[in-house]
């Protein structure tokens, strides 16, 4: 019979005491039960928040929209063909957010604020949630400063002011985008940061737009948020929210911001697909 030595017992006790305060880390993990059309249903995650960012395989993220009793519905912000039934889903604990700040100037990003222009990572120190309650009407200042488009016929007939929303309506190929781009170019040297949100546009169209802005040195004060026609409907749905969040950061710093959404008809289609 082996004799137990006192030093062995003391070493075991010391080891147990050392690990007594060790914290147990647990992850809220679920799995995909169905997927299709950029939408996935997930079971096993009980504490998810509305608009929370979830992590799926292959670098695809999802945003929580529906909180049902026995499952949650998420929209996939990436290639939905990579996600299949049974895939693992993890919580990130973060509401969907985008980077903000001057590091975005001159860059082309997607709906999550990730760079897609092959010019390296974006330098930022702050992020902002894409879903945010807008300030009440009573807290807003009146429109008292003009914003010049650079087109004399418009500036002389239609008063456009800073803090105002303006809808450009017209048939196809009538120059609606051209007016918006000329307005961005006209802000050069006027301390106005510009954001162009391309929703459902062709990649070639956005590339020509970026080239034109660079030729006029307008990319120095402009950010392009691109959710092209080749991206999923959820990304097209999210793009205007991302662009607005980026602009609100500059607005709260006291800077003037011009945001162009091109176009909201395609966003309405993406919204219906995503919200089905």
Protein backbone atom coordinates (compact mmCIF):
# COMPACT_ATOMS: atom_id res chain seq x y z
CA UNK A 1 0.00 0.00 0.00
CA UNK A 2 1.38 3.36 -1.09
CA UNK A 3 1.98 5.77 1.74
CA UNK A 4 0.67 9.31 1.20
CA UNK A 5 3.23 11.90 2.01
CA UNK A 6 2.21 15.18 3.73
CA UNK A 7 3.98 17.32 1.09
CA UNK A 8 1.84 15.76 -1.68
CA UNK A 9 -1.35 16.66 0.16
CA UNK A 10 -0.19 20.22 0.78
CA UNK A 11 0.77 20.70 -2.88
CA UNK A 12 -2.68 19.49 -4.00
CA UNK A 13 -4.40 21.85 -1.58
CA UNK A 14 -2.27 24.77 -2.77
CA UNK A 15 -3.14 23.97 -6.40
CA UNK A 16 -6.84 23.91 -5.59
CA UNK A 17 -6.60 27.22 -3.70
CA UNK A 18 -4.73 28.83 -6.62
CA UNK A 19 -7.53 27.91 -9.05
CA UNK A 20 -10.35 28.73 -6.64
CA UNK A 21 -11.03 32.19 -8.12
CA UNK A 22 -10.74 31.05 -11.74
CA UNK A 23 -13.69 32.47 -13.65
CA UNK A 24 -15.69 30.34 -16.03
CA UNK A 25 -16.17 31.95 -19.45
CA UNK A 26 -19.29 31.02 -21.35
CA UNK A 27 -20.36 31.98 -24.87
CA UNK A 28 -23.92 32.34 -26.07
CA UNK A 29 -23.81 30.03 -29.09
CA UNK A 30 -26.63 28.91 -31.37
CA UNK A 31 -27.06 27.30 -34.75
CA UNK A 32 -28.81 28.04 -38.03
CA UNK A 33 -32.07 26.14 -38.53
CA UNK A 34 -32.97 27.62 -41.95
CA UNK A 35 -31.60 30.12 -44.43
CA UNK A 36 -32.60 31.76 -47.69
CA UNK A 37 -32.90 35.14 -49.46
CA UNK A 38 -30.34 36.71 -47.13
CA UNK A 39 -32.36 35.72 -44.04
CA UNK A 40 -31.45 33.08 -41.43
CA UNK A 41 -33.38 31.63 -38.50
CA UNK A 42 -31.28 30.82 -35.45
CA UNK A 43 -31.98 28.70 -32.38
CA UNK A 44 -30.06 28.39 -29.13
CA UNK A 45 -29.36 32.09 -28.49
CA UNK A 46 -31.67 33.29 -25.73
CA UNK A 47 -30.19 36.67 -24.78
CA UNK A 48 -29.73 38.36 -28.17
CA UNK A 49 -30.61 42.05 -28.48
CA UNK A 50 -32.47 43.71 -31.32
CA UNK A 51 -30.00 44.96 -33.98
CA UNK A 52 -27.16 42.99 -32.34
CA UNK A 53 -24.31 41.81 -34.56
CA UNK A 54 -23.88 38.03 -34.70
CA UNK A 55 -20.85 36.18 -36.03
CA UNK A 56 -21.25 33.29 -38.46
CA UNK A 57 -18.71 31.13 -40.37
CA UNK A 58 -16.70 32.38 -43.38
CA UNK A 59 -16.51 35.95 -42.06
CA UNK A 60 -20.24 36.56 -42.54
CA UNK A 61 -22.08 38.69 -39.98
CA UNK A 62 -25.77 38.88 -39.22
CA UNK A 63 -28.02 41.51 -37.68
CA UNK A 64 -30.85 40.51 -35.35
CA UNK A 65 -34.24 41.77 -36.49
CA UNK A 66 -36.90 39.37 -35.16
CA UNK A 67 -36.97 38.11 -31.58
CA UNK A 68 -39.37 35.17 -31.53
CA UNK A 69 -40.22 32.92 -28.58
CA UNK A 70 -38.19 29.90 -29.72
CA UNK A 71 -35.84 31.38 -32.35
CA UNK A 72 -34.48 34.66 -33.72
CA UNK A 73 -34.47 36.00 -37.26
CA UNK A 74 -31.32 37.63 -38.60
CA UNK A 75 -30.38 39.32 -41.87
CA UNK A 76 -27.05 38.18 -43.31
CA UNK A 77 -24.57 40.98 -44.04
CA UNK A 78 -22.45 39.06 -46.50
CA UNK A 79 -22.60 36.16 -48.95
CA UNK A 80 -25.64 34.19 -47.81
CA UNK A 81 -24.69 31.22 -50.04
CA UNK A 82 -21.85 30.43 -47.60
CA UNK A 83 -24.28 29.85 -44.73
CA UNK A 84 -26.09 26.54 -44.37
CA UNK A 85 -28.32 24.79 -41.89
CA UNK A 86 -26.48 23.72 -38.74
CA UNK A 87 -23.78 26.42 -38.91
CA UNK A 88 -22.64 27.83 -35.58
CA UNK A 89 -23.73 31.37 -34.61
CA UNK A 90 -22.06 33.42 -31.88
CA UNK A 91 -23.09 36.62 -30.15
CA UNK A 92 -20.73 39.58 -30.29
CA UNK A 93 -22.52 41.63 -27.64
CA UNK A 94 -22.38 44.68 -29.93
CA UNK A 95 -25.17 46.54 -31.65
CA UNK A 96 -24.48 47.00 -35.38
CA UNK A 97 -22.09 49.94 -35.61
CA UNK A 98 -19.79 51.65 -38.10
CA UNK A 99 -16.48 53.50 -37.69
CA UNK A 100 -16.77 57.30 -37.73
CA UNK A 101 -14.37 60.21 -37.96
CA UNK A 102 -12.05 61.93 -40.41
CA UNK A 103 -10.35 58.64 -41.27
CA UNK A 104 -13.30 57.89 -43.56
CA UNK A 105 -12.67 60.89 -45.80
CA UNK A 106 -11.47 59.87 -49.24
CA UNK A 107 -12.46 56.24 -48.73
CA UNK A 108 -14.95 53.80 -50.25
CA UNK A 109 -16.59 51.53 -47.66
CA UNK A 110 -19.39 48.98 -47.50
CA UNK A 111 -22.51 49.12 -45.35
CA UNK A 112 -20.53 47.99 -42.27
CA UNK A 113 -17.90 50.70 -42.74
CA UNK A 114 -15.27 48.19 -43.93
CA UNK A 115 -12.92 49.50 -46.66
CA UNK A 116 -13.46 48.11 -50.18
CA UNK A 117 -11.10 50.41 -52.11
CA UNK A 118 -7.85 48.44 -51.60
CA UNK A 119 -6.25 51.41 -49.84
CA UNK A 120 -5.51 49.74 -46.51
CA UNK A 121 -7.39 49.76 -43.21
CA UNK A 122 -9.32 52.78 -41.98
CA UNK A 123 -7.89 54.63 -38.98
CA UNK A 124 -10.58 55.38 -36.42
CA UNK A 125 -10.96 55.64 -32.68
CA UNK A 126 -14.74 55.73 -32.39
CA UNK A 127 -17.77 53.84 -33.66
CA UNK A 128 -21.44 54.75 -33.76
CA UNK A 129 -24.56 52.57 -33.79
CA UNK A 130 -26.44 52.64 -37.07
CA UNK A 131 -29.83 52.66 -35.29
CA UNK A 132 -30.29 55.82 -33.28
CA UNK A 133 -33.23 57.93 -32.15
CA UNK A 134 -33.29 61.17 -34.15
CA UNK A 135 -33.33 64.50 -32.27
CA UNK A 136 -36.80 65.96 -31.75
CA UNK A 137 -38.08 68.78 -33.91
CA UNK A 138 -38.02 71.26 -31.01
CA UNK A 139 -34.28 70.71 -30.43
CA UNK A 140 -33.33 71.47 -34.02
CA UNK A 141 -32.27 74.86 -35.31
CA UNK A 142 -34.07 76.56 -38.13
CA UNK A 143 -32.67 76.47 -41.65
CA UNK A 144 -30.83 79.77 -42.07
CA UNK A 145 -27.74 79.04 -44.21
CA UNK A 146 -27.86 78.29 -47.94
CA UNK A 147 -26.21 75.29 -49.55
CA UNK A 148 -25.20 76.11 -53.11
CA UNK A 149 -25.37 73.38 -55.74
CA UNK A 150 -23.25 75.30 -58.24
CA UNK A 151 -26.08 75.10 -60.80
CA UNK A 152 -27.39 78.64 -61.29
CA UNK A 153 -30.87 77.59 -62.44
CA UNK A 154 -31.37 75.58 -59.23
CA UNK A 155 -29.72 78.03 -56.84
CA UNK A 156 -31.81 80.91 -58.22
CA UNK A 157 -35.16 79.12 -58.25
CA UNK A 158 -35.05 76.51 -55.46
CA UNK A 159 -33.82 77.61 -52.02
CA UNK A 160 -31.78 74.76 -50.52
CA UNK A 161 -30.47 75.28 -47.00
CA UNK A 162 -28.16 73.46 -44.61
CA UNK A 163 -30.26 71.21 -42.41
CA UNK A 164 -32.85 70.68 -45.13
CA UNK A 165 -33.85 67.52 -46.97
CA UNK A 166 -34.37 67.76 -50.71
CA UNK A 167 -35.83 65.06 -52.96
CA UNK A 168 -34.69 64.86 -56.58
CA UNK A 169 -37.47 63.33 -58.69
CA UNK A 170 -37.23 62.50 -62.38
CA UNK A 171 -37.41 59.78 -65.00
CA UNK A 172 -34.51 57.48 -65.79
CA UNK A 173 -31.42 59.02 -67.34
CA UNK A 174 -32.58 62.60 -66.75
CA UNK A 175 -29.52 63.66 -64.75
CA UNK A 176 -30.60 63.22 -61.14
CA UNK A 177 -27.26 61.71 -60.09
CA UNK A 178 -25.38 64.36 -62.10
CA UNK A 179 -27.03 67.11 -60.05
CA UNK A 180 -26.02 65.40 -56.80
CA UNK A 181 -22.42 64.86 -57.95
CA UNK A 182 -22.08 68.46 -59.16
CA UNK A 183 -23.34 69.61 -55.76
CA UNK A 184 -20.64 67.54 -54.01
CA UNK A 185 -17.94 68.95 -56.30
CA UNK A 186 -19.21 72.48 -55.62
CA UNK A 187 -18.55 72.06 -51.87
CA UNK A 188 -14.78 72.19 -52.43
CA UNK A 189 -13.19 74.69 -50.07
CA UNK A 190 -16.45 75.32 -48.19
CA UNK A 191 -15.75 73.06 -45.16
CA UNK A 192 -18.59 70.67 -45.98
CA UNK A 193 -17.96 66.95 -45.54
CA UNK A 194 -19.86 64.89 -48.11
CA UNK A 195 -21.17 61.32 -48.01
CA UNK A 196 -22.46 59.57 -51.12
CA UNK A 197 -24.49 56.42 -50.41
CA UNK A 198 -24.77 54.23 -53.51
CA UNK A 199 -27.71 51.82 -53.10
CA UNK A 200 -28.13 49.14 -55.73
CA UNK A 201 -25.88 50.88 -58.26
CA UNK A 202 -23.65 49.02 -60.71
CA UNK A 203 -20.02 48.63 -59.64
CA UNK A 204 -18.88 50.30 -62.87
CA UNK A 205 -21.11 53.31 -62.17
CA UNK A 206 -19.64 53.75 -58.69
CA UNK A 207 -16.10 53.36 -60.06
CA UNK A 208 -16.72 56.14 -62.62
CA UNK A 209 -18.17 58.31 -59.87
CA UNK A 210 -15.09 57.85 -57.67
CA UNK A 211 -12.82 58.64 -60.65
CA UNK A 212 -14.76 61.83 -61.40
CA UNK A 213 -14.58 63.00 -57.78
CA UNK A 214 -10.83 62.33 -57.71
CA UNK A 215 -10.34 64.32 -60.92
CA UNK A 216 -11.99 67.32 -59.22
CA UNK A 217 -10.13 66.76 -55.90
CA UNK A 218 -13.51 66.17 -54.26
CA UNK A 219 -12.64 62.82 -52.64
CA UNK A 220 -10.57 64.71 -50.07
CA UNK A 221 -13.78 65.63 -48.24
CA UNK A 222 -16.05 62.79 -49.44
CA UNK A 223 -16.87 59.28 -48.24
CA UNK A 224 -18.53 56.71 -50.52
CA UNK A 225 -20.76 54.08 -48.89
CA UNK A 226 -21.27 51.44 -51.58
CA UNK A 227 -23.95 48.73 -51.39
CA UNK A 228 -23.95 47.81 -55.06
CA UNK A 229 -26.47 45.71 -56.97
CA UNK A 230 -24.24 42.65 -56.51
CA UNK A 231 -24.44 42.83 -52.70
CA UNK A 232 -27.23 41.29 -50.65
CA UNK A 233 -30.50 43.09 -49.95
CA UNK A 234 -29.69 43.44 -46.20
CA UNK A 235 -26.53 45.41 -47.03
CA UNK A 236 -28.50 47.68 -49.37
CA UNK A 237 -31.09 48.08 -46.62
CA UNK A 238 -28.41 49.00 -44.06
CA UNK A 239 -26.33 51.39 -46.22
CA UNK A 240 -28.37 54.61 -45.65
CA UNK A 241 -28.33 54.04 -41.89
CA UNK A 242 -24.55 53.62 -41.99
CA UNK A 243 -24.08 56.80 -44.05
CA UNK A 244 -26.32 58.76 -41.70
CA UNK A 245 -24.41 57.52 -38.63
CA UNK A 246 -21.13 58.66 -40.17
CA UNK A 247 -22.59 62.08 -40.96
CA UNK A 248 -24.11 62.53 -37.50
CA UNK A 249 -20.67 62.24 -35.91
CA UNK A 250 -19.41 65.23 -37.91
CA UNK A 251 -22.67 67.07 -37.32
CA UNK A 252 -22.27 66.77 -33.54
CA UNK A 253 -18.74 68.16 -33.90
CA UNK A 254 -20.27 71.32 -35.40
CA UNK A 255 -19.30 70.54 -39.01
CA UNK A 256 -21.53 70.83 -42.05
CA UNK A 257 -22.41 67.56 -43.78
CA UNK A 258 -24.01 66.79 -47.15
CA UNK A 259 -25.42 63.26 -47.56
CA UNK A 260 -26.66 61.94 -50.91
CA UNK A 261 -28.77 58.76 -51.05
CA UNK A 262 -28.79 57.33 -54.58
CA UNK A 263 -31.31 55.97 -54.82
CA UNK A 264 -34.11 55.49 -52.32
CA UNK A 265 -36.31 53.55 -54.77
CA UNK A 266 -33.81 50.69 -54.72
CA UNK A 267 -33.59 51.03 -50.95
CA UNK A 268 -37.38 50.64 -50.68
CA UNK A 269 -37.16 47.36 -52.62
CA UNK A 270 -34.31 46.10 -50.42
CA UNK A 271 -36.24 47.15 -47.29
CA UNK A 272 -39.28 45.09 -48.32
CA UNK A 273 -37.14 42.04 -49.11
CA UNK A 274 -35.28 42.32 -45.79
CA UNK A 275 -38.39 42.94 -43.70
CA UNK A 276 -40.42 40.06 -45.07
